[in-house]
Amino acid sequence: ACDLRVLASHAVMGLTEVTLAIIPGAG
């Protein structure tokens, strides 16, 4: 939702909802 994204070198991202039997619901 932000305009820009800066990541720390150890950062990990993911839309992992389907692994919990749901879907991303906040955009």
PDB file of all heavy atoms in Angstrom:
ATOM      1  N   ALA A   1       0.822  -1.217   0.000  1.00  0.00           N
ATOM      2  CA  ALA A   1       0.000   0.000   0.000  1.00  0.00           C
ATOM      3  C   ALA A   1       0.853   1.262   0.000  1.00  0.00           C
ATOM      4  O   ALA A   1       0.346   2.347  -0.301  1.00  0.00           O
ATOM      5  CB  ALA A   1      -0.947  -0.001   1.198  1.00  0.00           C
ATOM      6  N   CYS A   2       2.136   1.118   0.344  1.00  0.00           N
ATOM      7  CA  CYS A   2       3.043   2.268   0.345  1.00  0.00           C
ATOM      8  C   CYS A   2       3.550   2.547  -1.066  1.00  0.00           C
ATOM      9  O   CYS A   2       3.548   1.680  -1.934  1.00  0.00           O
ATOM     10  CB  CYS A   2       4.214   2.013   1.288  1.00  0.00           C
ATOM     11  SG  CYS A   2       3.757   1.918   3.041  1.00  0.00           S
ATOM     12  N   ASP A   3       4.032   3.759  -1.278  1.00  0.00           N
ATOM     13  CA  ASP A   3       4.548   4.136  -2.592  1.00  0.00           C
ATOM     14  C   ASP A   3       5.891   3.483  -2.883  1.00  0.00           C
ATOM     15  O   ASP A   3       6.175   3.106  -4.027  1.00  0.00           O
ATOM     16  CB  ASP A   3       4.700   5.658  -2.675  1.00  0.00           C
ATOM     17  CG  ASP A   3       3.370   6.379  -2.544  1.00  0.00           C
ATOM     18  OD1 ASP A   3       2.422   6.019  -3.260  1.00  0.00           O
ATOM     19  OD2 ASP A   3       3.280   7.302  -1.708  1.00  0.00           O
ATOM     20  N   LEU A   4       6.728   3.349  -1.857  1.00  0.00           N
ATOM     21  CA  LEU A   4       8.072   2.799  -2.019  1.00  0.00           C
ATOM     22  C   LEU A   4       8.346   1.796  -0.911  1.00  0.00           C
ATOM     23  O   LEU A   4       7.767   1.891   0.178  1.00  0.00           O
ATOM     24  CB  LEU A   4       9.127   3.912  -1.969  1.00  0.00           C
ATOM     25  CG  LEU A   4       8.992   5.051  -2.996  1.00  0.00           C
ATOM     26  CD1 LEU A   4       9.991   6.151  -2.682  1.00  0.00           C
ATOM     27  CD2 LEU A   4       9.171   4.536  -4.409  1.00  0.00           C
ATOM     28  N   ARG A   5       9.266   0.855  -1.191  1.00  0.00           N
ATOM     29  CA  ARG A   5       9.625  -0.165  -0.213  1.00  0.00           C
ATOM     30  C   ARG A   5      11.144  -0.317  -0.144  1.00  0.00           C
ATOM     31  O   ARG A   5      11.781  -0.594  -1.168  1.00  0.00           O
ATOM     32  CB  ARG A   5       8.988  -1.522  -0.596  1.00  0.00           C
ATOM     33  CG  ARG A   5       7.495  -1.603  -0.308  1.00  0.00           C
ATOM     34  CD  ARG A   5       6.794  -2.578  -1.228  1.00  0.00           C
ATOM     35  NE  ARG A   5       6.828  -2.119  -2.619  1.00  0.00           N
ATOM     36  CZ  ARG A   5       6.021  -1.174  -3.107  1.00  0.00           C
ATOM     37  NH1 ARG A   5       5.120  -0.602  -2.330  1.00  0.00           N
ATOM     38  NH2 ARG A   5       6.128  -0.790  -4.365  1.00  0.00           N
ATOM     39  N   VAL A   6      11.691  -0.114   1.047  1.00  0.00           N
ATOM     40  CA  VAL A   6      13.112  -0.316   1.315  1.00  0.00           C
ATOM     41  C   VAL A   6      13.236  -1.522   2.234  1.00  0.00           C
ATOM     42  O   VAL A   6      12.576  -1.573   3.278  1.00  0.00           O
ATOM     43  CB  VAL A   6      13.743   0.917   1.977  1.00  0.00           C
ATOM     44  CG1 VAL A   6      15.199   0.658   2.324  1.00  0.00           C
ATOM     45  CG2 VAL A   6      13.616   2.134   1.067  1.00  0.00           C
ATOM     46  N   LEU A   7      14.066  -2.492   1.869  1.00  0.00           N
ATOM     47  CA  LEU A   7      14.172  -3.733   2.632  1.00  0.00           C
ATOM     48  C   LEU A   7      15.530  -3.854   3.298  1.00  0.00           C
ATOM     49  O   LEU A   7      16.562  -3.553   2.682  1.00  0.00           O
ATOM     50  CB  LEU A   7      13.969  -4.951   1.731  1.00  0.00           C
ATOM     51  CG  LEU A   7      12.534  -5.449   1.522  1.00  0.00           C
ATOM     52  CD1 LEU A   7      11.635  -4.379   0.942  1.00  0.00           C
ATOM     53  CD2 LEU A   7      12.544  -6.693   0.655  1.00  0.00           C
ATOM     54  N   ALA A   8      15.517  -4.278   4.572  1.00  0.00           N
ATOM     55  CA  ALA A   8      16.757  -4.714   5.195  1.00  0.00           C
ATOM     56  C   ALA A   8      17.246  -5.963   4.470  1.00  0.00           C
ATOM     57  O   ALA A   8      16.454  -6.706   3.879  1.00  0.00           O
ATOM     58  CB  ALA A   8      16.521  -5.021   6.677  1.00  0.00           C
ATOM     59  N   SER A   9      18.554  -6.206   4.515  1.00  0.00           N
ATOM     60  CA  SER A   9      19.124  -7.318   3.753  1.00  0.00           C
ATOM     61  C   SER A   9      18.589  -8.678   4.199  1.00  0.00           C
ATOM     62  O   SER A   9      18.595  -9.631   3.414  1.00  0.00           O
ATOM     63  CB  SER A   9      20.649  -7.295   3.857  1.00  0.00           C
ATOM     64  OG  SER A   9      21.057  -7.318   5.216  1.00  0.00           O
ATOM     65  N   HIS A  10      18.114  -8.765   5.442  1.00  0.00           N
ATOM     66  CA  HIS A  10      17.585 -10.043   5.934  1.00  0.00           C
ATOM     67  C   HIS A  10      16.065 -10.132   5.835  1.00  0.00           C
ATOM     68  O   HIS A  10      15.469 -11.107   6.283  1.00  0.00           O
ATOM     69  CB  HIS A  10      18.003 -10.255   7.394  1.00  0.00           C
ATOM     70  CG  HIS A  10      17.370  -9.290   8.351  1.00  0.00           C
ATOM     71  ND1 HIS A  10      17.745  -7.963   8.418  1.00  0.00           N
ATOM     72  CD2 HIS A  10      16.383  -9.443   9.267  1.00  0.00           C
ATOM     73  CE1 HIS A  10      17.025  -7.349   9.348  1.00  0.00           C
ATOM     74  NE2 HIS A  10      16.184  -8.233   9.867  1.00  0.00           N
ATOM     75  N   ALA A  11      15.429  -9.129   5.239  1.00  0.00           N
ATOM     76  CA  ALA A  11      13.970  -9.110   5.144  1.00  0.00           C
ATOM     77  C   ALA A  11      13.462 -10.241   4.247  1.00  0.00           C
ATOM     78  O   ALA A  11      14.124 -10.639   3.284  1.00  0.00           O
ATOM     79  CB  ALA A  11      13.490  -7.771   4.612  1.00  0.00           C
ATOM     80  N   VAL A  12      12.292 -10.750   4.586  1.00  0.00           N
ATOM     81  CA  VAL A  12      11.615 -11.771   3.790  1.00  0.00           C
ATOM     82  C   VAL A  12      10.155 -11.355   3.676  1.00  0.00           C
ATOM     83  O   VAL A  12       9.535 -10.984   4.672  1.00  0.00           O
ATOM     84  CB  VAL A  12      11.707 -13.163   4.442  1.00  0.00           C
ATOM     85  CG1 VAL A  12      11.000 -14.205   3.584  1.00  0.00           C
ATOM     86  CG2 VAL A  12      13.163 -13.565   4.657  1.00  0.00           C
ATOM     87  N   MET A  13       9.622 -11.415   2.457  1.00  0.00           N
ATOM     88  CA  MET A  13       8.245 -10.997   2.226  1.00  0.00           C
ATOM     89  C   MET A  13       7.448 -12.140   1.616  1.00  0.00           C
ATOM     90  O   MET A  13       8.006 -13.031   0.962  1.00  0.00           O
ATOM     91  CB  MET A  13       8.194  -9.771   1.306  1.00  0.00           C
ATOM     92  CG  MET A  13       8.945  -8.569   1.835  1.00  0.00           C
ATOM     93  SD  MET A  13       8.804  -7.113   0.755  1.00  0.00           S
ATOM     94  CE  MET A  13       7.087  -6.649   1.048  1.00  0.00           C
ATOM     95  N   GLY A  14       6.139 -12.100   1.794  1.00  0.00           N
ATOM     96  CA  GLY A  14       5.310 -13.119   1.168  1.00  0.00           C
ATOM     97  C   GLY A  14       3.844 -12.959   1.501  1.00  0.00           C
ATOM     98  O   GLY A  14       3.491 -12.588   2.630  1.00  0.00           O
ATOM     99  N   LEU A  15       3.011 -13.216   0.518  1.00  0.00           N
ATOM    100  CA  LEU A  15       1.563 -13.301   0.743  1.00  0.00           C
ATOM    101  C   LEU A  15       1.274 -14.781   0.982  1.00  0.00           C
ATOM    102  O   LEU A  15       1.037 -15.551   0.046  1.00  0.00           O
ATOM    103  CB  LEU A  15       0.792 -12.744  -0.454  1.00  0.00           C
ATOM    104  CG  LEU A  15       0.931 -11.233  -0.647  1.00  0.00           C
ATOM    105  CD1 LEU A  15       0.210 -10.774  -1.908  1.00  0.00           C
ATOM    106  CD2 LEU A  15       0.410 -10.465   0.559  1.00  0.00           C
ATOM    107  N   THR A  16       1.325 -15.170   2.231  1.00  0.00           N
ATOM    108  CA  THR A  16       1.323 -16.580   2.621  1.00  0.00           C
ATOM    109  C   THR A  16      -0.053 -17.100   3.017  1.00  0.00           C
ATOM    110  O   THR A  16      -0.176 -18.204   3.565  1.00  0.00           O
ATOM    111  CB  THR A  16       2.283 -16.774   3.805  1.00  0.00           C
ATOM    112  OG1 THR A  16       1.908 -15.863   4.860  1.00  0.00           O
ATOM    113  CG2 THR A  16       3.717 -16.462   3.392  1.00  0.00           C
ATOM    114  N   GLU A  17      -1.100 -16.348   2.722  1.00  0.00           N
ATOM    115  CA  GLU A  17      -2.426 -16.677   3.245  1.00  0.00           C
ATOM    116  C   GLU A  17      -2.943 -18.051   2.816  1.00  0.00           C
ATOM    117  O   GLU A  17      -3.616 -18.736   3.604  1.00  0.00           O
ATOM    118  CB  GLU A  17      -3.434 -15.594   2.839  1.00  0.00           C
ATOM    119  CG  GLU A  17      -3.320 -14.296   3.610  1.00  0.00           C
ATOM    120  CD  GLU A  17      -2.321 -13.322   3.016  1.00  0.00           C
ATOM    121  OE1 GLU A  17      -1.538 -13.728   2.118  1.00  0.00           O
ATOM    122  OE2 GLU A  17      -2.311 -12.153   3.431  1.00  0.00           O
ATOM    123  N   VAL A  18      -2.661 -18.467   1.570  1.00  0.00           N
ATOM    124  CA  VAL A  18      -3.223 -19.750   1.129  1.00  0.00           C
ATOM    125  C   VAL A  18      -2.686 -20.921   1.943  1.00  0.00           C
ATOM    126  O   VAL A  18      -3.335 -21.966   2.028  1.00  0.00           O
ATOM    127  CB  VAL A  18      -2.988 -19.999  -0.381  1.00  0.00           C
ATOM    128  CG1 VAL A  18      -3.731 -18.978  -1.226  1.00  0.00           C
ATOM    129  CG2 VAL A  18      -1.508 -20.035  -0.712  1.00  0.00           C
ATOM    130  N   THR A  19      -1.532 -20.756   2.566  1.00  0.00           N
ATOM    131  CA  THR A  19      -1.008 -21.828   3.418  1.00  0.00           C
ATOM    132  C   THR A  19      -1.838 -21.963   4.691  1.00  0.00           C
ATOM    133  O   THR A  19      -1.722 -22.972   5.396  1.00  0.00           O
ATOM    134  CB  THR A  19       0.463 -21.577   3.799  1.00  0.00           C
ATOM    135  OG1 THR A  19       0.557 -20.430   4.647  1.00  0.00           O
ATOM    136  CG2 THR A  19       1.304 -21.368   2.554  1.00  0.00           C
ATOM    137  N   LEU A  20      -2.664 -20.961   4.968  1.00  0.00           N
ATOM    138  CA  LEU A  20      -3.578 -20.987   6.121  1.00  0.00           C
ATOM    139  C   LEU A  20      -5.028 -21.149   5.663  1.00  0.00           C
ATOM    140  O   LEU A  20      -5.959 -20.893   6.426  1.00  0.00           O
ATOM    141  CB  LEU A  20      -3.435 -19.696   6.932  1.00  0.00           C
ATOM    142  CG  LEU A  20      -2.042 -19.472   7.544  1.00  0.00           C
ATOM    143  CD1 LEU A  20      -1.940 -18.056   8.101  1.00  0.00           C
ATOM    144  CD2 LEU A  20      -1.756 -20.504   8.620  1.00  0.00           C
ATOM    145  N   ALA A  21      -5.193 -21.553   4.393  1.00  0.00           N
ATOM    146  CA  ALA A  21      -6.519 -21.819   3.820  1.00  0.00           C
ATOM    147  C   ALA A  21      -7.386 -20.572   3.723  1.00  0.00           C
ATOM    148  O   ALA A  21      -8.617 -20.649   3.763  1.00  0.00           O
ATOM    149  CB  ALA A  21      -7.249 -22.905   4.614  1.00  0.00           C
ATOM    150  N   ILE A  22      -6.755 -19.398   3.562  1.00  0.00           N
ATOM    151  CA  ILE A  22      -7.470 -18.156   3.288  1.00  0.00           C
ATOM    152  C   ILE A  22      -6.775 -17.485   2.104  1.00  0.00           C
ATOM    153  O   ILE A  22      -5.851 -18.060   1.522  1.00  0.00           O
ATOM    154  CB  ILE A  22      -7.496 -17.217   4.521  1.00  0.00           C
ATOM    155  CG1 ILE A  22      -6.070 -16.938   5.018  1.00  0.00           C
ATOM    156  CG2 ILE A  22      -8.366 -17.807   5.630  1.00  0.00           C
ATOM    157  CD1 ILE A  22      -6.001 -15.938   6.171  1.00  0.00           C
ATOM    158  N   ILE A  23      -7.201 -16.291   1.744  1.00  0.00           N
ATOM    159  CA  ILE A  23      -6.546 -15.549   0.668  1.00  0.00           C
ATOM    160  C   ILE A  23      -6.174 -14.161   1.183  1.00  0.00           C
ATOM    161  O   ILE A  23      -6.704 -13.702   2.196  1.00  0.00           O
ATOM    162  CB  ILE A  23      -7.441 -15.423  -0.585  1.00  0.00           C
ATOM    163  CG1 ILE A  23      -8.604 -14.442  -0.351  1.00  0.00           C
ATOM    164  CG2 ILE A  23      -7.944 -16.785  -1.041  1.00  0.00           C
ATOM    165  CD1 ILE A  23      -9.339 -14.051  -1.613  1.00  0.00           C
ATOM    166  N   PRO A  24      -5.260 -13.469   0.503  1.00  0.00           N
ATOM    167  CA  PRO A  24      -4.987 -12.088   0.883  1.00  0.00           C
ATOM    168  C   PRO A  24      -6.280 -11.267   0.792  1.00  0.00           C
ATOM    169  O   PRO A  24      -6.952 -11.297  -0.241  1.00  0.00           O
ATOM    170  CB  PRO A  24      -3.956 -11.628  -0.161  1.00  0.00           C
ATOM    171  CG  PRO A  24      -3.309 -12.891  -0.624  1.00  0.00           C
ATOM    172  CD  PRO A  24      -4.400 -13.921  -0.605  1.00  0.00           C
ATOM    173  N   GLY A  25      -6.604 -10.568   1.869  1.00  0.00           N
ATOM    174  CA  GLY A  25      -7.871  -9.850   1.898  1.00  0.00           C
ATOM    175  C   GLY A  25      -7.742  -8.373   2.161  1.00  0.00           C
ATOM    176  O   GLY A  25      -8.751  -7.684   2.347  1.00  0.00           O
ATOM    177  N   ALA A  26      -6.495  -7.859   2.183  1.00  0.00           N
ATOM    178  CA  ALA A  26      -6.282  -6.435   2.451  1.00  0.00           C
ATOM    179  C   ALA A  26      -5.582  -5.763   1.272  1.00  0.00           C
ATOM    180  O   ALA A  26      -4.757  -4.876   1.440  1.00  0.00           O
ATOM    181  CB  ALA A  26      -5.478  -6.251   3.735  1.00  0.00           C
ATOM    182  N   GLY A  27      -5.935  -6.215   0.074  1.00  0.00           N
ATOM    183  CA  GLY A  27      -5.422  -5.587  -1.138  1.00  0.00           C
ATOM    184  C   GLY A  27      -4.331  -6.356  -1.859  1.00  0.00           C
ATOM    185  O   GLY A  27      -3.929  -5.976  -2.959  1.00  0.00           O
TER     186      GLY A  27
END
